[in-house]
Amino acid sequence: MRGPGKWQHRLHGHGARWTAPRSAILELLSRSSKHMSAKDVYGSLNRTHPGLGLTTVYRTLDLLVRMGLLNKLSFGSGESRYEFRSGDEETHHHHLICMQCGKIIDYTDFVDEELKLIKKTEDALTRKHGFKITDHNIEFLGICPECKG
């Protein structure tokens, strides 16, 4: 386990305390390479944490997103998915999302032109709106090869 010490101090700024369900949810997502829904998280943890309810999972996921520990990905299906944010520049990625089957592919193969365009866009938005951008998420929607063929 990565340990609550790494994340626990961030809860205090959000008026929350560290709990076993919060620890279990964050630990699960920090180890997973999947983009999990609240129901996926609940299904993965309900055997080892029988007192954990689906409502607690939803509330905890929302708190962890507000804390900046998780990314919330909302797609056309209406069901949000969550992934752990390591905060590591090298793990930053974007997503290719199939609108038919819901498959999510992490995209990390950025070329210099893409990174320059993103930086230029962030700078322009900061100047125009006075908004300090700290992160971004890009999603490309389409049809995956399996659904297309």
C-alpha atoms as a PDB file:
ATOM      1  CA  MET A   1       0.000   0.000   0.000  1.00  0.00           C
ATOM      2  CA  ARG A   2       1.303   3.436  -0.846  1.00  0.00           C
ATOM      3  CA  GLY A   3       0.097   4.571   2.523  1.00  0.00           C
ATOM      4  CA  PRO A   4      -2.327   7.239   3.619  1.00  0.00           C
ATOM      5  CA  GLY A   5       0.503   9.489   4.811  1.00  0.00           C
ATOM      6  CA  LYS A   6       1.143  10.551   1.241  1.00  0.00           C
ATOM      7  CA  TRP A   7      -2.484  11.596   0.723  1.00  0.00           C
ATOM      8  CA  GLN A   8      -3.916  12.085   4.202  1.00  0.00           C
ATOM      9  CA  HIS A   9      -2.566  15.620   4.691  1.00  0.00           C
ATOM     10  CA  ARG A  10      -4.502  16.754   1.600  1.00  0.00           C
ATOM     11  CA  LEU A  11      -7.821  15.818   3.225  1.00  0.00           C
ATOM     12  CA  HIS A  12      -7.466  18.382   5.996  1.00  0.00           C
ATOM     13  CA  GLY A  13      -7.700  21.272   3.545  1.00  0.00           C
ATOM     14  CA  HIS A  14     -11.028  19.865   2.396  1.00  0.00           C
ATOM     15  CA  GLY A  15     -12.582  19.501   5.836  1.00  0.00           C
ATOM     16  CA  ALA A  16     -12.397  15.733   5.632  1.00  0.00           C
ATOM     17  CA  ARG A  17     -10.766  13.041   7.708  1.00  0.00           C
ATOM     18  CA  TRP A  18      -8.960   9.928   6.550  1.00  0.00           C
ATOM     19  CA  THR A  19     -11.169   6.832   6.653  1.00  0.00           C
ATOM     20  CA  ALA A  20     -10.717   3.183   5.747  1.00  0.00           C
ATOM     21  CA  PRO A  21     -13.112   3.424   2.746  1.00  0.00           C
ATOM     22  CA  ARG A  22     -11.265   6.484   1.400  1.00  0.00           C
ATOM     23  CA  SER A  23      -7.976   4.690   1.783  1.00  0.00           C
ATOM     24  CA  ALA A  24      -9.296   1.541   0.073  1.00  0.00           C
ATOM     25  CA  ILE A  25     -10.777   3.455  -2.872  1.00  0.00           C
ATOM     26  CA  LEU A  26      -7.667   5.531  -3.435  1.00  0.00           C
ATOM     27  CA  GLU A  27      -5.406   2.502  -3.088  1.00  0.00           C
ATOM     28  CA  LEU A  28      -7.484   0.547  -5.624  1.00  0.00           C
ATOM     29  CA  LEU A  29      -7.390   3.336  -8.193  1.00  0.00           C
ATOM     30  CA  SER A  30      -3.698   4.066  -7.616  1.00  0.00           C
ATOM     31  CA  ARG A  31      -2.898   0.442  -8.523  1.00  0.00           C
ATOM     32  CA  SER A  32      -5.294   0.145 -11.458  1.00  0.00           C
ATOM     33  CA  SER A  33      -4.530   0.932 -15.067  1.00  0.00           C
ATOM     34  CA  LYS A  34      -8.256   0.861 -15.837  1.00  0.00           C
ATOM     35  CA  HIS A  35     -10.654   3.776 -16.005  1.00  0.00           C
ATOM     36  CA  MET A  36     -13.138   2.609 -13.376  1.00  0.00           C
ATOM     37  CA  SER A  37     -16.736   3.665 -12.801  1.00  0.00           C
ATOM     38  CA  ALA A  38     -18.165   4.041  -9.302  1.00  0.00           C
ATOM     39  CA  LYS A  39     -19.892   0.682  -9.792  1.00  0.00           C
ATOM     40  CA  ASP A  40     -16.580  -0.904 -10.817  1.00  0.00           C
ATOM     41  CA  VAL A  41     -14.937   0.449  -7.655  1.00  0.00           C
ATOM     42  CA  TYR A  42     -17.839  -0.779  -5.528  1.00  0.00           C
ATOM     43  CA  GLY A  43     -17.742  -4.224  -7.173  1.00  0.00           C
ATOM     44  CA  SER A  44     -14.005  -4.523  -6.616  1.00  0.00           C
ATOM     45  CA  LEU A  45     -14.161  -3.571  -2.949  1.00  0.00           C
ATOM     46  CA  ASN A  46     -17.454  -4.928  -1.621  1.00  0.00           C
ATOM     47  CA  ARG A  47     -16.018  -8.395  -0.797  1.00  0.00           C
ATOM     48  CA  THR A  48     -13.123  -7.018   1.241  1.00  0.00           C
ATOM     49  CA  HIS A  49     -15.115  -4.051   2.630  1.00  0.00           C
ATOM     50  CA  PRO A  50     -18.667  -5.372   3.130  1.00  0.00           C
ATOM     51  CA  GLY A  51     -19.838  -2.225   4.935  1.00  0.00           C
ATOM     52  CA  LEU A  52     -18.917  -0.008   2.002  1.00  0.00           C
ATOM     53  CA  GLY A  53     -22.002   1.306   0.236  1.00  0.00           C
ATOM     54  CA  LEU A  54     -22.332   2.613  -3.296  1.00  0.00           C
ATOM     55  CA  THR A  55     -23.311   6.058  -1.998  1.00  0.00           C
ATOM     56  CA  THR A  56     -20.076   6.203   0.018  1.00  0.00           C
ATOM     57  CA  VAL A  57     -18.133   5.270  -3.112  1.00  0.00           C
ATOM     58  CA  TYR A  58     -19.747   8.110  -5.115  1.00  0.00           C
ATOM     59  CA  ARG A  59     -19.140  10.653  -2.338  1.00  0.00           C
ATOM     60  CA  THR A  60     -15.544   9.521  -1.850  1.00  0.00           C
ATOM     61  CA  LEU A  61     -14.795   9.658  -5.571  1.00  0.00           C
ATOM     62  CA  ASP A  62     -16.163  13.220  -5.737  1.00  0.00           C
ATOM     63  CA  LEU A  63     -14.029  14.248  -2.748  1.00  0.00           C
ATOM     64  CA  LEU A  64     -10.884  12.693  -4.238  1.00  0.00           C
ATOM     65  CA  VAL A  65     -11.533  14.513  -7.540  1.00  0.00           C
ATOM     66  CA  ARG A  66     -11.917  17.851  -5.686  1.00  0.00           C
ATOM     67  CA  MET A  67      -8.651  17.117  -3.882  1.00  0.00           C
ATOM     68  CA  GLY A  68      -6.892  16.597  -7.211  1.00  0.00           C
ATOM     69  CA  LEU A  69      -6.030  12.954  -6.504  1.00  0.00           C
ATOM     70  CA  LEU A  70      -8.294  11.539  -9.228  1.00  0.00           C
ATOM     71  CA  ASN A  71      -9.340  12.542 -12.716  1.00  0.00           C
ATOM     72  CA  LYS A  72     -13.039  12.275 -13.498  1.00  0.00           C
ATOM     73  CA  LEU A  73     -13.723  11.369 -17.100  1.00  0.00           C
ATOM     74  CA  SER A  74     -17.264  12.027 -18.304  1.00  0.00           C
ATOM     75  CA  PHE A  75     -18.173  10.531 -21.642  1.00  0.00           C
ATOM     76  CA  GLY A  76     -21.312  10.344 -23.737  1.00  0.00           C
ATOM     77  CA  SER A  77     -22.501   7.223 -21.933  1.00  0.00           C
ATOM     78  CA  GLY A  78     -23.502   9.266 -18.878  1.00  0.00           C
ATOM     79  CA  GLU A  79     -21.366   7.123 -16.573  1.00  0.00           C
ATOM     80  CA  SER A  80     -18.245   8.821 -15.276  1.00  0.00           C
ATOM     81  CA  ARG A  81     -14.987   6.952 -14.982  1.00  0.00           C
ATOM     82  CA  TYR A  82     -12.102   7.688 -12.655  1.00  0.00           C
ATOM     83  CA  GLU A  83      -8.355   7.338 -12.812  1.00  0.00           C
ATOM     84  CA  PHE A  84      -5.584   8.048 -10.341  1.00  0.00           C
ATOM     85  CA  ARG A  85      -3.542  11.218 -10.863  1.00  0.00           C
ATOM     86  CA  SER A  86       0.072  10.555 -10.011  1.00  0.00           C
ATOM     87  CA  GLY A  87       1.033  14.196 -10.519  1.00  0.00           C
ATOM     88  CA  ASP A  88       3.985  12.966 -12.540  1.00  0.00           C
ATOM     89  CA  GLU A  89       4.540  14.899 -15.790  1.00  0.00           C
ATOM     90  CA  GLU A  90       5.731  11.721 -17.497  1.00  0.00           C
ATOM     91  CA  THR A  91       2.419   9.936 -16.861  1.00  0.00           C
ATOM     92  CA  HIS A  92       0.236  12.750 -18.222  1.00  0.00           C
ATOM     93  CA  HIS A  93      -1.910  11.454 -21.042  1.00  0.00           C
ATOM     94  CA  HIS A  94      -5.017  12.122 -23.073  1.00  0.00           C
ATOM     95  CA  HIS A  95      -7.775   9.785 -24.145  1.00  0.00           C
ATOM     96  CA  LEU A  96      -9.195   8.231 -27.292  1.00  0.00           C
ATOM     97  CA  ILE A  97     -12.788   7.212 -26.527  1.00  0.00           C
ATOM     98  CA  CYS A  98     -14.934   4.893 -28.620  1.00  0.00           C
ATOM     99  CA  MET A  99     -18.474   6.220 -28.689  1.00  0.00           C
ATOM    100  CA  GLN A 100     -19.883   2.778 -29.561  1.00  0.00           C
ATOM    101  CA  CYS A 101     -18.303   0.376 -27.074  1.00  0.00           C
ATOM    102  CA  GLY A 102     -16.907   2.854 -24.520  1.00  0.00           C
ATOM    103  CA  LYS A 103     -13.316   1.644 -24.843  1.00  0.00           C
ATOM    104  CA  ILE A 104     -10.781   4.177 -23.534  1.00  0.00           C
ATOM    105  CA  ILE A 105      -7.251   4.295 -24.875  1.00  0.00           C
ATOM    106  CA  ASP A 106      -4.617   6.367 -23.092  1.00  0.00           C
ATOM    107  CA  TYR A 107      -2.721   8.482 -25.595  1.00  0.00           C
ATOM    108  CA  THR A 108       0.809   9.562 -24.673  1.00  0.00           C
ATOM    109  CA  ASP A 109       2.556   9.856 -28.030  1.00  0.00           C
ATOM    110  CA  PHE A 110       2.723  13.632 -28.207  1.00  0.00           C
ATOM    111  CA  VAL A 111       4.793  15.279 -30.878  1.00  0.00           C
ATOM    112  CA  ASP A 112       6.456  18.629 -30.292  1.00  0.00           C
ATOM    113  CA  GLU A 113       3.827  20.474 -32.355  1.00  0.00           C
ATOM    114  CA  GLU A 114       1.009  19.172 -30.143  1.00  0.00           C
ATOM    115  CA  LEU A 115       2.741  20.227 -26.932  1.00  0.00           C
ATOM    116  CA  LYS A 116       3.520  23.669 -28.368  1.00  0.00           C
ATOM    117  CA  LEU A 117      -0.118  24.119 -29.425  1.00  0.00           C
ATOM    118  CA  ILE A 118      -1.394  23.150 -25.969  1.00  0.00           C
ATOM    119  CA  LYS A 119       1.039  25.561 -24.272  1.00  0.00           C
ATOM    120  CA  LYS A 120       0.103  28.345 -26.715  1.00  0.00           C
ATOM    121  CA  THR A 121      -3.611  27.740 -26.065  1.00  0.00           C
ATOM    122  CA  GLU A 122      -3.121  27.743 -22.291  1.00  0.00           C
ATOM    123  CA  ASP A 123      -1.136  31.006 -22.478  1.00  0.00           C
ATOM    124  CA  ALA A 124      -3.820  32.653 -24.643  1.00  0.00           C
ATOM    125  CA  LEU A 125      -6.615  31.569 -22.290  1.00  0.00           C
ATOM    126  CA  THR A 126      -4.660  32.828 -19.286  1.00  0.00           C
ATOM    127  CA  ARG A 127      -4.168  36.234 -20.923  1.00  0.00           C
ATOM    128  CA  LYS A 128      -7.760  36.503 -22.140  1.00  0.00           C
ATOM    129  CA  HIS A 129      -9.530  35.349 -18.977  1.00  0.00           C
ATOM    130  CA  GLY A 130      -6.931  35.874 -16.242  1.00  0.00           C
ATOM    131  CA  PHE A 131      -7.361  32.204 -15.412  1.00  0.00           C
ATOM    132  CA  LYS A 132      -4.337  30.317 -14.094  1.00  0.00           C
ATOM    133  CA  ILE A 133      -4.415  26.941 -15.809  1.00  0.00           C
ATOM    134  CA  THR A 134      -2.894  24.161 -13.744  1.00  0.00           C
ATOM    135  CA  ASP A 135      -3.834  21.157 -15.847  1.00  0.00           C
ATOM    136  CA  HIS A 136      -5.802  20.049 -18.889  1.00  0.00           C
ATOM    137  CA  ASN A 137      -7.556  16.994 -20.233  1.00  0.00           C
ATOM    138  CA  ILE A 138      -8.044  16.280 -23.911  1.00  0.00           C
ATOM    139  CA  GLU A 139     -10.478  13.643 -25.135  1.00  0.00           C
ATOM    140  CA  PHE A 140     -10.765  12.505 -28.728  1.00  0.00           C
ATOM    141  CA  LEU A 141     -14.136  10.886 -29.451  1.00  0.00           C
ATOM    142  CA  GLY A 142     -14.626   8.446 -32.300  1.00  0.00           C
ATOM    143  CA  ILE A 143     -14.953   4.796 -33.260  1.00  0.00           C
ATOM    144  CA  CYS A 144     -12.305   2.207 -32.331  1.00  0.00           C
ATOM    145  CA  PRO A 145     -10.943  -0.263 -34.922  1.00  0.00           C
ATOM    146  CA  GLU A 146     -12.990  -3.166 -33.481  1.00  0.00           C
ATOM    147  CA  CYS A 147     -16.294  -1.268 -33.790  1.00  0.00           C
ATOM    148  CA  LYS A 148     -15.362   0.242 -37.138  1.00  0.00           C
ATOM    149  CA  GLY A 149     -14.499  -3.076 -38.751  1.00  0.00           C
END
